[in-house]
């Protein structure tokens, strides 16, 4: 107690300017240490052995433009494929981007198919998530499926940019796709690639054309055709048809989080957590308020096994 009483007395003996200077110095040191702690805790985007490895898009040896690299990394991070196939490996740049995104996700395996790869990446930076088959496509696709452990939910086709070859690649891949899988084509502005994609979509009702998602075309690469560009197809599932059923997608996500999925209900279609709180409650919120948090509204459809016993959740 005596020591605590001494400090104010000592401070009072110091000139006011000195007290102010010492206080400023103390706060400066404190702020410096706080900034250092934040910097240490921040992810190093360029270290592939630390989380959030998005820096791989700048270092991967690939002919993809920066918008394509960022899209590929972000797509894998967001879609979270478990089993992926890459047709056309070259120097391994896209493999590095995909596997590092998978490592950030904590799940996923990629199988590459290329008869003459020229890998220029450190295999440890693929985090044990990569298998390379030095064989031809589409002949190697069944073996690639076996190596992946099941049907693919993501495929990157970036092999020979020739109509005949891309047509074979698509025909070879489709039987090995999971429901709801995506096929991403690089150099999709190439006229031969684009024609093969269009014909495949027209011939197969299960393929949904999502269009060109990266539109930085290389118009100077060749006199006969443009290059670059990403184009995406989706394999419609038997249950979804041409439109994706949100319940089938979010059901496993709620299960992974240990929570029950709220049923899809008509009275919640106009529910927005901010609008209902700040502006005007929706039909669901009004019903819950009047019933004491016990809504009696019926779901839009009969709950399936994934939703049995689920109830509305309050956000």
C-alpha atoms as a PDB file:
ATOM      1  CA  UNK A   1       0.000   0.000   0.000  1.00  0.00           C
ATOM      2  CA  UNK A   2       2.858   2.320   0.819  1.00  0.00           C
ATOM      3  CA  UNK A   3       4.448   1.813  -2.603  1.00  0.00           C
ATOM      4  CA  UNK A   4       1.161   2.637  -4.336  1.00  0.00           C
ATOM      5  CA  UNK A   5       0.968   5.832  -2.367  1.00  0.00           C
ATOM      6  CA  UNK A   6       4.505   6.827  -3.252  1.00  0.00           C
ATOM      7  CA  UNK A   7       4.063   6.919  -7.028  1.00  0.00           C
ATOM      8  CA  UNK A   8       1.474   9.729  -7.090  1.00  0.00           C
ATOM      9  CA  UNK A   9       3.664  11.718  -4.704  1.00  0.00           C
ATOM     10  CA  UNK A  10       6.730  11.231  -6.891  1.00  0.00           C
ATOM     11  CA  UNK A  11       4.773  12.166 -10.030  1.00  0.00           C
ATOM     12  CA  UNK A  12       3.488  15.308  -8.376  1.00  0.00           C
ATOM     13  CA  UNK A  13       7.068  16.410  -7.766  1.00  0.00           C
ATOM     14  CA  UNK A  14       7.895  16.258 -11.499  1.00  0.00           C
ATOM     15  CA  UNK A  15       7.389  19.282 -13.734  1.00  0.00           C
ATOM     16  CA  UNK A  16       4.164  19.190 -15.737  1.00  0.00           C
ATOM     17  CA  UNK A  17       5.956  19.088 -19.088  1.00  0.00           C
ATOM     18  CA  UNK A  18       8.095  16.155 -17.975  1.00  0.00           C
ATOM     19  CA  UNK A  19       5.029  14.274 -16.736  1.00  0.00           C
ATOM     20  CA  UNK A  20       3.374  14.856 -20.114  1.00  0.00           C
ATOM     21  CA  UNK A  21       6.484  13.704 -22.007  1.00  0.00           C
ATOM     22  CA  UNK A  22       6.776  10.547 -19.903  1.00  0.00           C
ATOM     23  CA  UNK A  23       3.092   9.783 -20.431  1.00  0.00           C
ATOM     24  CA  UNK A  24       3.449  10.230 -24.187  1.00  0.00           C
ATOM     25  CA  UNK A  25       6.517   7.984 -24.210  1.00  0.00           C
ATOM     26  CA  UNK A  26       4.703   5.297 -22.217  1.00  0.00           C
ATOM     27  CA  UNK A  27       1.754   5.371 -24.602  1.00  0.00           C
ATOM     28  CA  UNK A  28       4.102   5.275 -27.594  1.00  0.00           C
ATOM     29  CA  UNK A  29       5.855   2.174 -26.279  1.00  0.00           C
ATOM     30  CA  UNK A  30       2.508   0.532 -25.520  1.00  0.00           C
ATOM     31  CA  UNK A  31       1.181   1.262 -29.014  1.00  0.00           C
ATOM     32  CA  UNK A  32       4.383  -0.055 -30.598  1.00  0.00           C
ATOM     33  CA  UNK A  33       4.046  -3.345 -28.742  1.00  0.00           C
ATOM     34  CA  UNK A  34       0.372  -3.593 -29.707  1.00  0.00           C
ATOM     35  CA  UNK A  35       1.219  -3.042 -33.368  1.00  0.00           C
ATOM     36  CA  UNK A  36       3.984  -5.641 -33.159  1.00  0.00           C
ATOM     37  CA  UNK A  37       1.597  -8.195 -31.652  1.00  0.00           C
ATOM     38  CA  UNK A  38      -0.934  -7.562 -34.425  1.00  0.00           C
ATOM     39  CA  UNK A  39       1.755  -7.922 -37.069  1.00  0.00           C
ATOM     40  CA  UNK A  40       2.983 -11.193 -35.617  1.00  0.00           C
ATOM     41  CA  UNK A  41      -0.574 -12.532 -35.444  1.00  0.00           C
ATOM     42  CA  UNK A  42      -1.397 -11.467 -39.019  1.00  0.00           C
ATOM     43  CA  UNK A  43      -1.235 -14.212 -41.662  1.00  0.00           C
ATOM     44  CA  UNK A  44       1.833 -14.079 -43.919  1.00  0.00           C
ATOM     45  CA  UNK A  45       0.215 -14.398 -47.338  1.00  0.00           C
ATOM     46  CA  UNK A  46       3.477 -15.369 -49.027  1.00  0.00           C
ATOM     47  CA  UNK A  47       4.480 -18.167 -46.634  1.00  0.00           C
ATOM     48  CA  UNK A  48       2.922 -21.385 -47.883  1.00  0.00           C
ATOM     49  CA  UNK A  49       3.392 -23.060 -44.503  1.00  0.00           C
ATOM     50  CA  UNK A  50       1.069 -20.597 -42.729  1.00  0.00           C
ATOM     51  CA  UNK A  51      -2.728 -20.102 -43.019  1.00  0.00           C
ATOM     52  CA  UNK A  52      -4.273 -17.863 -45.694  1.00  0.00           C
ATOM     53  CA  UNK A  53      -1.879 -18.677 -48.522  1.00  0.00           C
ATOM     54  CA  UNK A  54      -3.435 -16.374 -51.102  1.00  0.00           C
ATOM     55  CA  UNK A  55       0.052 -15.080 -51.925  1.00  0.00           C
ATOM     56  CA  UNK A  56       0.500 -18.247 -53.979  1.00  0.00           C
ATOM     57  CA  UNK A  57      -1.375 -16.499 -56.811  1.00  0.00           C
ATOM     58  CA  UNK A  58       1.611 -14.175 -57.228  1.00  0.00           C
ATOM     59  CA  UNK A  59       4.342 -16.831 -57.053  1.00  0.00           C
ATOM     60  CA  UNK A  60       2.841 -19.835 -58.859  1.00  0.00           C
ATOM     61  CA  UNK A  61       4.484 -20.568 -62.244  1.00  0.00           C
ATOM     62  CA  UNK A  62       1.433 -20.205 -64.476  1.00  0.00           C
ATOM     63  CA  UNK A  63       0.382 -18.528 -67.720  1.00  0.00           C
ATOM     64  CA  UNK A  64      -2.896 -17.459 -66.091  1.00  0.00           C
ATOM     65  CA  UNK A  65      -3.586 -13.744 -65.717  1.00  0.00           C
ATOM     66  CA  UNK A  66      -3.861 -12.330 -62.194  1.00  0.00           C
ATOM     67  CA  UNK A  67      -7.670 -12.155 -62.347  1.00  0.00           C
ATOM     68  CA  UNK A  68      -7.753 -15.852 -63.307  1.00  0.00           C
ATOM     69  CA  UNK A  69      -5.362 -16.807 -60.510  1.00  0.00           C
ATOM     70  CA  UNK A  70      -7.366 -14.912 -57.910  1.00  0.00           C
ATOM     71  CA  UNK A  71     -10.620 -16.406 -59.208  1.00  0.00           C
ATOM     72  CA  UNK A  72      -9.228 -19.954 -59.076  1.00  0.00           C
ATOM     73  CA  UNK A  73      -7.951 -19.586 -55.513  1.00  0.00           C
ATOM     74  CA  UNK A  74     -11.162 -17.907 -54.340  1.00  0.00           C
ATOM     75  CA  UNK A  75     -13.386 -20.462 -56.067  1.00  0.00           C
ATOM     76  CA  UNK A  76     -11.630 -23.376 -54.361  1.00  0.00           C
ATOM     77  CA  UNK A  77     -11.719 -21.571 -51.013  1.00  0.00           C
ATOM     78  CA  UNK A  78     -15.421 -20.862 -51.383  1.00  0.00           C
ATOM     79  CA  UNK A  79     -16.720 -24.023 -53.064  1.00  0.00           C
ATOM     80  CA  UNK A  80     -14.512 -26.347 -50.956  1.00  0.00           C
ATOM     81  CA  UNK A  81     -14.235 -29.330 -53.327  1.00  0.00           C
ATOM     82  CA  UNK A  82     -13.225 -32.630 -51.792  1.00  0.00           C
ATOM     83  CA  UNK A  83     -12.029 -34.320 -54.997  1.00  0.00           C
ATOM     84  CA  UNK A  84     -10.625 -32.327 -57.922  1.00  0.00           C
ATOM     85  CA  UNK A  85      -9.118 -33.126 -61.311  1.00  0.00           C
ATOM     86  CA  UNK A  86      -6.743 -31.018 -63.396  1.00  0.00           C
ATOM     87  CA  UNK A  87      -6.239 -31.883 -67.058  1.00  0.00           C
ATOM     88  CA  UNK A  88      -3.056 -30.177 -68.223  1.00  0.00           C
ATOM     89  CA  UNK A  89      -0.415 -29.600 -65.540  1.00  0.00           C
ATOM     90  CA  UNK A  90       2.514 -27.891 -67.328  1.00  0.00           C
ATOM     91  CA  UNK A  91       4.716 -26.202 -64.678  1.00  0.00           C
ATOM     92  CA  UNK A  92       2.292 -26.881 -61.812  1.00  0.00           C
ATOM     93  CA  UNK A  93       1.160 -23.331 -61.160  1.00  0.00           C
ATOM     94  CA  UNK A  94      -2.567 -24.029 -61.057  1.00  0.00           C
ATOM     95  CA  UNK A  95      -1.902 -27.157 -58.971  1.00  0.00           C
ATOM     96  CA  UNK A  96      -0.118 -24.965 -56.427  1.00  0.00           C
ATOM     97  CA  UNK A  97      -3.019 -22.511 -56.322  1.00  0.00           C
ATOM     98  CA  UNK A  98      -5.640 -25.243 -55.938  1.00  0.00           C
ATOM     99  CA  UNK A  99      -3.809 -27.296 -53.298  1.00  0.00           C
ATOM    100  CA  UNK A 100      -2.920 -24.255 -51.197  1.00  0.00           C
ATOM    101  CA  UNK A 101      -6.562 -23.174 -51.230  1.00  0.00           C
ATOM    102  CA  UNK A 102      -7.476 -26.729 -50.206  1.00  0.00           C
ATOM    103  CA  UNK A 103      -4.938 -26.601 -47.399  1.00  0.00           C
ATOM    104  CA  UNK A 104      -6.531 -23.376 -46.180  1.00  0.00           C
ATOM    105  CA  UNK A 105      -9.890 -25.171 -46.306  1.00  0.00           C
ATOM    106  CA  UNK A 106      -8.464 -28.084 -44.347  1.00  0.00           C
ATOM    107  CA  UNK A 107      -9.773 -30.620 -46.891  1.00  0.00           C
ATOM    108  CA  UNK A 108      -9.506 -31.671 -50.521  1.00  0.00           C
ATOM    109  CA  UNK A 109      -7.403 -33.708 -52.906  1.00  0.00           C
ATOM    110  CA  UNK A 110      -6.252 -32.863 -56.441  1.00  0.00           C
ATOM    111  CA  UNK A 111      -5.232 -35.292 -59.181  1.00  0.00           C
ATOM    112  CA  UNK A 112      -3.311 -33.948 -62.168  1.00  0.00           C
ATOM    113  CA  UNK A 113      -3.208 -35.608 -65.589  1.00  0.00           C
ATOM    114  CA  UNK A 114      -0.463 -34.688 -68.060  1.00  0.00           C
ATOM    115  CA  UNK A 115       1.742 -36.982 -70.180  1.00  0.00           C
ATOM    116  CA  UNK A 116       4.661 -34.521 -70.223  1.00  0.00           C
ATOM    117  CA  UNK A 117       4.547 -32.240 -67.169  1.00  0.00           C
ATOM    118  CA  UNK A 118       7.324 -29.743 -66.472  1.00  0.00           C
ATOM    119  CA  UNK A 119       6.851 -29.198 -62.747  1.00  0.00           C
ATOM    120  CA  UNK A 120       8.662 -26.194 -61.337  1.00  0.00           C
ATOM    121  CA  UNK A 121       7.236 -26.180 -57.839  1.00  0.00           C
ATOM    122  CA  UNK A 122       8.375 -27.583 -54.511  1.00  0.00           C
ATOM    123  CA  UNK A 123       6.188 -30.608 -53.805  1.00  0.00           C
ATOM    124  CA  UNK A 124       6.117 -29.788 -50.087  1.00  0.00           C
ATOM    125  CA  UNK A 125       4.140 -26.671 -50.992  1.00  0.00           C
ATOM    126  CA  UNK A 126       1.348 -28.914 -52.298  1.00  0.00           C
ATOM    127  CA  UNK A 127       0.799 -30.167 -48.730  1.00  0.00           C
ATOM    128  CA  UNK A 128       0.382 -33.839 -49.615  1.00  0.00           C
ATOM    129  CA  UNK A 129      -2.866 -33.071 -51.432  1.00  0.00           C
ATOM    130  CA  UNK A 130      -1.628 -33.790 -54.951  1.00  0.00           C
ATOM    131  CA  UNK A 131      -1.279 -36.885 -57.128  1.00  0.00           C
ATOM    132  CA  UNK A 132       0.241 -36.659 -60.621  1.00  0.00           C
ATOM    133  CA  UNK A 133      -0.571 -39.161 -63.369  1.00  0.00           C
ATOM    134  CA  UNK A 134       1.837 -38.839 -66.305  1.00  0.00           C
ATOM    135  CA  UNK A 135      -0.698 -40.214 -68.753  1.00  0.00           C
ATOM    136  CA  UNK A 136      -2.962 -38.966 -71.522  1.00  0.00           C
ATOM    137  CA  UNK A 137      -6.480 -37.611 -71.163  1.00  0.00           C
ATOM    138  CA  UNK A 138      -9.169 -38.830 -71.389  1.00  0.00           C
ATOM    139  CA  UNK A 139      -7.681 -42.327 -71.021  1.00  0.00           C
ATOM    140  CA  UNK A 140      -6.351 -41.590 -67.533  1.00  0.00           C
ATOM    141  CA  UNK A 141      -9.567 -40.121 -66.115  1.00  0.00           C
ATOM    142  CA  UNK A 142     -10.891 -43.402 -64.567  1.00  0.00           C
ATOM    143  CA  UNK A 143      -7.529 -43.920 -62.829  1.00  0.00           C
ATOM    144  CA  UNK A 144      -7.622 -40.310 -61.666  1.00  0.00           C
ATOM    145  CA  UNK A 145     -11.050 -40.898 -60.140  1.00  0.00           C
ATOM    146  CA  UNK A 146      -9.680 -43.915 -58.264  1.00  0.00           C
ATOM    147  CA  UNK A 147      -6.749 -41.839 -57.008  1.00  0.00           C
ATOM    148  CA  UNK A 148      -9.118 -39.109 -55.826  1.00  0.00           C
ATOM    149  CA  UNK A 149     -11.321 -41.620 -54.034  1.00  0.00           C
ATOM    150  CA  UNK A 150     -14.568 -40.969 -55.874  1.00  0.00           C
ATOM    151  CA  UNK A 151     -16.344 -38.769 -58.424  1.00  0.00           C
ATOM    152  CA  UNK A 152     -14.997 -35.277 -58.932  1.00  0.00           C
ATOM    153  CA  UNK A 153     -16.804 -32.199 -57.670  1.00  0.00           C
ATOM    154  CA  UNK A 154     -14.376 -29.862 -59.454  1.00  0.00           C
ATOM    155  CA  UNK A 155     -12.481 -30.202 -62.746  1.00  0.00           C
ATOM    156  CA  UNK A 156     -10.076 -27.762 -64.374  1.00  0.00           C
ATOM    157  CA  UNK A 157      -9.580 -28.429 -68.091  1.00  0.00           C
ATOM    158  CA  UNK A 158      -6.463 -26.662 -69.336  1.00  0.00           C
ATOM    159  CA  UNK A 159      -4.814 -29.206 -71.638  1.00  0.00           C
ATOM    160  CA  UNK A 160      -4.487 -29.028 -75.401  1.00  0.00           C
ATOM    161  CA  UNK A 161      -6.503 -26.082 -76.674  1.00  0.00           C
ATOM    162  CA  UNK A 162      -7.918 -27.923 -79.658  1.00  0.00           C
ATOM    163  CA  UNK A 163     -11.562 -28.576 -80.483  1.00  0.00           C
ATOM    164  CA  UNK A 164     -11.073 -32.326 -80.931  1.00  0.00           C
ATOM    165  CA  UNK A 165      -9.151 -32.717 -77.662  1.00  0.00           C
ATOM    166  CA  UNK A 166     -11.459 -30.574 -75.522  1.00  0.00           C
ATOM    167  CA  UNK A 167     -14.449 -32.463 -76.887  1.00  0.00           C
ATOM    168  CA  UNK A 168     -12.798 -35.727 -75.782  1.00  0.00           C
ATOM    169  CA  UNK A 169     -11.892 -34.277 -72.385  1.00  0.00           C
ATOM    170  CA  UNK A 170     -15.481 -33.205 -71.718  1.00  0.00           C
ATOM    171  CA  UNK A 171     -16.911 -36.552 -72.832  1.00  0.00           C
ATOM    172  CA  UNK A 172     -14.384 -38.358 -70.661  1.00  0.00           C
ATOM    173  CA  UNK A 173     -14.996 -36.217 -67.579  1.00  0.00           C
ATOM    174  CA  UNK A 174     -18.806 -36.068 -67.462  1.00  0.00           C
ATOM    175  CA  UNK A 175     -19.358 -39.719 -66.408  1.00  0.00           C
ATOM    176  CA  UNK A 176     -17.011 -39.153 -63.451  1.00  0.00           C
ATOM    177  CA  UNK A 177     -18.638 -35.991 -62.087  1.00  0.00           C
ATOM    178  CA  UNK A 178     -20.516 -35.805 -58.815  1.00  0.00           C
ATOM    179  CA  UNK A 179     -23.939 -34.184 -58.799  1.00  0.00           C
ATOM    180  CA  UNK A 180     -23.521 -30.420 -58.647  1.00  0.00           C
ATOM    181  CA  UNK A 181     -19.886 -30.563 -59.814  1.00  0.00           C
ATOM    182  CA  UNK A 182     -18.226 -27.708 -61.693  1.00  0.00           C
ATOM    183  CA  UNK A 183     -15.995 -27.801 -64.783  1.00  0.00           C
ATOM    184  CA  UNK A 184     -13.746 -24.782 -65.244  1.00  0.00           C
ATOM    185  CA  UNK A 185     -12.094 -24.193 -68.636  1.00  0.00           C
ATOM    186  CA  UNK A 186      -8.997 -22.056 -69.058  1.00  0.00           C
ATOM    187  CA  UNK A 187      -8.282 -20.352 -72.391  1.00  0.00           C
ATOM    188  CA  UNK A 188     -12.012 -20.596 -72.946  1.00  0.00           C
ATOM    189  CA  UNK A 189     -11.927 -17.700 -75.424  1.00  0.00           C
ATOM    190  CA  UNK A 190     -10.093 -20.013 -77.818  1.00  0.00           C
ATOM    191  CA  UNK A 191     -12.552 -20.688 -80.622  1.00  0.00           C
ATOM    192  CA  UNK A 192     -11.960 -24.438 -80.591  1.00  0.00           C
ATOM    193  CA  UNK A 193     -12.434 -24.645 -76.812  1.00  0.00           C
ATOM    194  CA  UNK A 194     -15.535 -22.440 -76.926  1.00  0.00           C
ATOM    195  CA  UNK A 195     -17.114 -24.492 -79.721  1.00  0.00           C
ATOM    196  CA  UNK A 196     -16.508 -27.778 -77.885  1.00  0.00           C
ATOM    197  CA  UNK A 197     -18.109 -26.320 -74.743  1.00  0.00           C
ATOM    198  CA  UNK A 198     -21.141 -25.002 -76.620  1.00  0.00           C
ATOM    199  CA  UNK A 199     -21.757 -28.313 -78.369  1.00  0.00           C
ATOM    200  CA  UNK A 200     -21.412 -30.251 -75.104  1.00  0.00           C
ATOM    201  CA  UNK A 201     -23.968 -28.027 -73.365  1.00  0.00           C
ATOM    202  CA  UNK A 202     -26.386 -28.293 -76.285  1.00  0.00           C
ATOM    203  CA  UNK A 203     -26.084 -32.093 -76.323  1.00  0.00           C
ATOM    204  CA  UNK A 204     -26.313 -32.715 -72.558  1.00  0.00           C
ATOM    205  CA  UNK A 205     -29.242 -31.337 -70.552  1.00  0.00           C
ATOM    206  CA  UNK A 206     -27.365 -31.949 -67.293  1.00  0.00           C
ATOM    207  CA  UNK A 207     -24.697 -29.334 -68.157  1.00  0.00           C
ATOM    208  CA  UNK A 208     -25.493 -25.740 -67.206  1.00  0.00           C
ATOM    209  CA  UNK A 209     -23.430 -23.003 -68.846  1.00  0.00           C
ATOM    210  CA  UNK A 210     -22.441 -20.400 -66.217  1.00  0.00           C
ATOM    211  CA  UNK A 211     -20.674 -18.274 -68.834  1.00  0.00           C
ATOM    212  CA  UNK A 212     -17.336 -16.436 -68.885  1.00  0.00           C
ATOM    213  CA  UNK A 213     -16.316 -15.481 -65.364  1.00  0.00           C
ATOM    214  CA  UNK A 214     -12.880 -14.046 -66.195  1.00  0.00           C
ATOM    215  CA  UNK A 215     -12.849 -11.879 -69.314  1.00  0.00           C
ATOM    216  CA  UNK A 216      -9.283 -10.685 -69.746  1.00  0.00           C
ATOM    217  CA  UNK A 217      -8.649 -11.923 -73.280  1.00  0.00           C
ATOM    218  CA  UNK A 218      -5.220 -12.266 -74.825  1.00  0.00           C
ATOM    219  CA  UNK A 219      -5.886 -10.824 -78.262  1.00  0.00           C
ATOM    220  CA  UNK A 220      -2.233 -10.747 -79.326  1.00  0.00           C
ATOM    221  CA  UNK A 221      -1.236 -14.376 -78.751  1.00  0.00           C
ATOM    222  CA  UNK A 222      -2.357 -15.729 -82.122  1.00  0.00           C
ATOM    223  CA  UNK A 223      -3.684 -14.416 -85.426  1.00  0.00           C
ATOM    224  CA  UNK A 224      -6.491 -16.983 -85.630  1.00  0.00           C
ATOM    225  CA  UNK A 225      -7.981 -17.103 -82.128  1.00  0.00           C
ATOM    226  CA  UNK A 226      -7.956 -15.318 -78.742  1.00  0.00           C
ATOM    227  CA  UNK A 227      -6.642 -16.977 -75.585  1.00  0.00           C
ATOM    228  CA  UNK A 228      -7.182 -16.785 -71.823  1.00  0.00           C
ATOM    229  CA  UNK A 229     -10.563 -16.451 -70.128  1.00  0.00           C
ATOM    230  CA  UNK A 230     -12.348 -18.725 -67.641  1.00  0.00           C
ATOM    231  CA  UNK A 231     -15.665 -20.359 -68.505  1.00  0.00           C
ATOM    232  CA  UNK A 232     -17.647 -22.433 -66.017  1.00  0.00           C
ATOM    233  CA  UNK A 233     -20.099 -25.316 -66.413  1.00  0.00           C
ATOM    234  CA  UNK A 234     -22.155 -26.952 -63.680  1.00  0.00           C
ATOM    235  CA  UNK A 235     -23.378 -30.521 -63.667  1.00  0.00           C
ATOM    236  CA  UNK A 236     -26.993 -30.282 -62.520  1.00  0.00           C
ATOM    237  CA  UNK A 237     -27.888 -32.890 -59.917  1.00  0.00           C
ATOM    238  CA  UNK A 238     -30.878 -35.172 -60.388  1.00  0.00           C
ATOM    239  CA  UNK A 239     -32.651 -33.496 -57.461  1.00  0.00           C
ATOM    240  CA  UNK A 240     -31.830 -29.888 -58.395  1.00  0.00           C
ATOM    241  CA  UNK A 241     -32.349 -29.904 -62.145  1.00  0.00           C
ATOM    242  CA  UNK A 242     -31.284 -26.608 -63.699  1.00  0.00           C
ATOM    243  CA  UNK A 243     -31.662 -24.698 -60.427  1.00  0.00           C
ATOM    244  CA  UNK A 244     -29.662 -25.381 -57.255  1.00  0.00           C
ATOM    245  CA  UNK A 245     -31.677 -26.429 -54.205  1.00  0.00           C
ATOM    246  CA  UNK A 246     -30.336 -24.330 -51.330  1.00  0.00           C
ATOM    247  CA  UNK A 247     -31.524 -26.872 -48.745  1.00  0.00           C
ATOM    248  CA  UNK A 248     -29.346 -29.626 -50.196  1.00  0.00           C
ATOM    249  CA  UNK A 249     -26.316 -27.321 -50.186  1.00  0.00           C
ATOM    250  CA  UNK A 250     -26.589 -25.809 -46.699  1.00  0.00           C
ATOM    251  CA  UNK A 251     -27.800 -28.992 -44.970  1.00  0.00           C
ATOM    252  CA  UNK A 252     -24.286 -30.502 -44.693  1.00  0.00           C
ATOM    253  CA  UNK A 253     -22.865 -27.102 -43.710  1.00  0.00           C
ATOM    254  CA  UNK A 254     -25.213 -26.847 -40.731  1.00  0.00           C
ATOM    255  CA  UNK A 255     -24.431 -30.465 -39.833  1.00  0.00           C
ATOM    256  CA  UNK A 256     -20.688 -29.763 -39.902  1.00  0.00           C
ATOM    257  CA  UNK A 257     -21.274 -26.841 -37.521  1.00  0.00           C
ATOM    258  CA  UNK A 258     -23.309 -29.066 -35.194  1.00  0.00           C
ATOM    259  CA  UNK A 259     -26.526 -27.160 -35.823  1.00  0.00           C
ATOM    260  CA  UNK A 260     -29.880 -28.065 -37.329  1.00  0.00           C
ATOM    261  CA  UNK A 261     -30.837 -26.371 -40.570  1.00  0.00           C
ATOM    262  CA  UNK A 262     -33.895 -24.122 -40.299  1.00  0.00           C
ATOM    263  CA  UNK A 263     -36.672 -25.253 -42.638  1.00  0.00           C
ATOM    264  CA  UNK A 264     -37.430 -23.285 -45.779  1.00  0.00           C
ATOM    265  CA  UNK A 265     -40.634 -21.451 -44.863  1.00  0.00           C
ATOM    266  CA  UNK A 266     -42.713 -18.981 -46.801  1.00  0.00           C
ATOM    267  CA  UNK A 267     -43.062 -16.582 -43.888  1.00  0.00           C
ATOM    268  CA  UNK A 268     -39.250 -16.232 -43.716  1.00  0.00           C
ATOM    269  CA  UNK A 269     -38.637 -15.437 -47.381  1.00  0.00           C
ATOM    270  CA  UNK A 270     -38.700 -11.690 -46.676  1.00  0.00           C
ATOM    271  CA  UNK A 271     -36.719 -11.958 -43.455  1.00  0.00           C
ATOM    272  CA  UNK A 272     -33.524  -9.905 -43.188  1.00  0.00           C
ATOM    273  CA  UNK A 273     -31.877  -9.668 -39.778  1.00  0.00           C
ATOM    274  CA  UNK A 274     -31.018  -5.962 -40.150  1.00  0.00           C
ATOM    275  CA  UNK A 275     -34.267  -4.823 -41.813  1.00  0.00           C
ATOM    276  CA  UNK A 276     -36.461  -6.712 -39.361  1.00  0.00           C
ATOM    277  CA  UNK A 277     -34.602  -5.193 -36.413  1.00  0.00           C
ATOM    278  CA  UNK A 278     -34.117  -1.622 -37.634  1.00  0.00           C
ATOM    279  CA  UNK A 279     -37.020  -0.941 -40.025  1.00  0.00           C
ATOM    280  CA  UNK A 280     -39.958  -3.322 -39.874  1.00  0.00           C
ATOM    281  CA  UNK A 281     -40.327  -6.963 -38.773  1.00  0.00           C
ATOM    282  CA  UNK A 282     -41.278  -9.501 -41.403  1.00  0.00           C
ATOM    283  CA  UNK A 283     -44.197 -11.923 -41.199  1.00  0.00           C
ATOM    284  CA  UNK A 284     -42.053 -14.510 -39.441  1.00  0.00           C
ATOM    285  CA  UNK A 285     -40.763 -12.066 -36.818  1.00  0.00           C
ATOM    286  CA  UNK A 286     -44.271 -10.756 -36.141  1.00  0.00           C
ATOM    287  CA  UNK A 287     -45.603 -14.282 -35.756  1.00  0.00           C
ATOM    288  CA  UNK A 288     -42.834 -15.235 -33.358  1.00  0.00           C
ATOM    289  CA  UNK A 289     -43.330 -12.074 -31.320  1.00  0.00           C
ATOM    290  CA  UNK A 290     -47.078 -12.686 -30.995  1.00  0.00           C
ATOM    291  CA  UNK A 291     -46.590 -16.377 -30.184  1.00  0.00           C
ATOM    292  CA  UNK A 292     -43.724 -15.878 -27.755  1.00  0.00           C
ATOM    293  CA  UNK A 293     -40.974 -17.154 -30.111  1.00  0.00           C
ATOM    294  CA  UNK A 294     -43.109 -20.102 -31.210  1.00  0.00           C
ATOM    295  CA  UNK A 295     -44.038 -19.687 -34.861  1.00  0.00           C
ATOM    296  CA  UNK A 296     -46.787 -21.845 -36.293  1.00  0.00           C
ATOM    297  CA  UNK A 297     -46.009 -21.227 -39.981  1.00  0.00           C
ATOM    298  CA  UNK A 298     -45.608 -24.317 -42.116  1.00  0.00           C
ATOM    299  CA  UNK A 299     -42.458 -25.087 -44.145  1.00  0.00           C
ATOM    300  CA  UNK A 300     -42.693 -24.667 -47.903  1.00  0.00           C
ATOM    301  CA  UNK A 301     -41.984 -28.367 -48.366  1.00  0.00           C
ATOM    302  CA  UNK A 302     -41.989 -31.426 -46.177  1.00  0.00           C
ATOM    303  CA  UNK A 303     -38.632 -31.582 -44.330  1.00  0.00           C
ATOM    304  CA  UNK A 304     -36.273 -34.280 -45.527  1.00  0.00           C
ATOM    305  CA  UNK A 305     -34.017 -36.433 -43.376  1.00  0.00           C
ATOM    306  CA  UNK A 306     -31.486 -33.618 -43.096  1.00  0.00           C
ATOM    307  CA  UNK A 307     -34.098 -31.252 -41.653  1.00  0.00           C
ATOM    308  CA  UNK A 308     -36.212 -33.557 -39.499  1.00  0.00           C
ATOM    309  CA  UNK A 309     -36.666 -32.047 -36.064  1.00  0.00           C
ATOM    310  CA  UNK A 310     -35.205 -28.701 -37.104  1.00  0.00           C
ATOM    311  CA  UNK A 311     -36.658 -25.461 -35.868  1.00  0.00           C
ATOM    312  CA  UNK A 312     -36.293 -21.792 -36.756  1.00  0.00           C
ATOM    313  CA  UNK A 313     -33.119 -20.182 -35.477  1.00  0.00           C
ATOM    314  CA  UNK A 314     -32.898 -16.679 -34.064  1.00  0.00           C
ATOM    315  CA  UNK A 315     -30.007 -14.709 -35.570  1.00  0.00           C
END
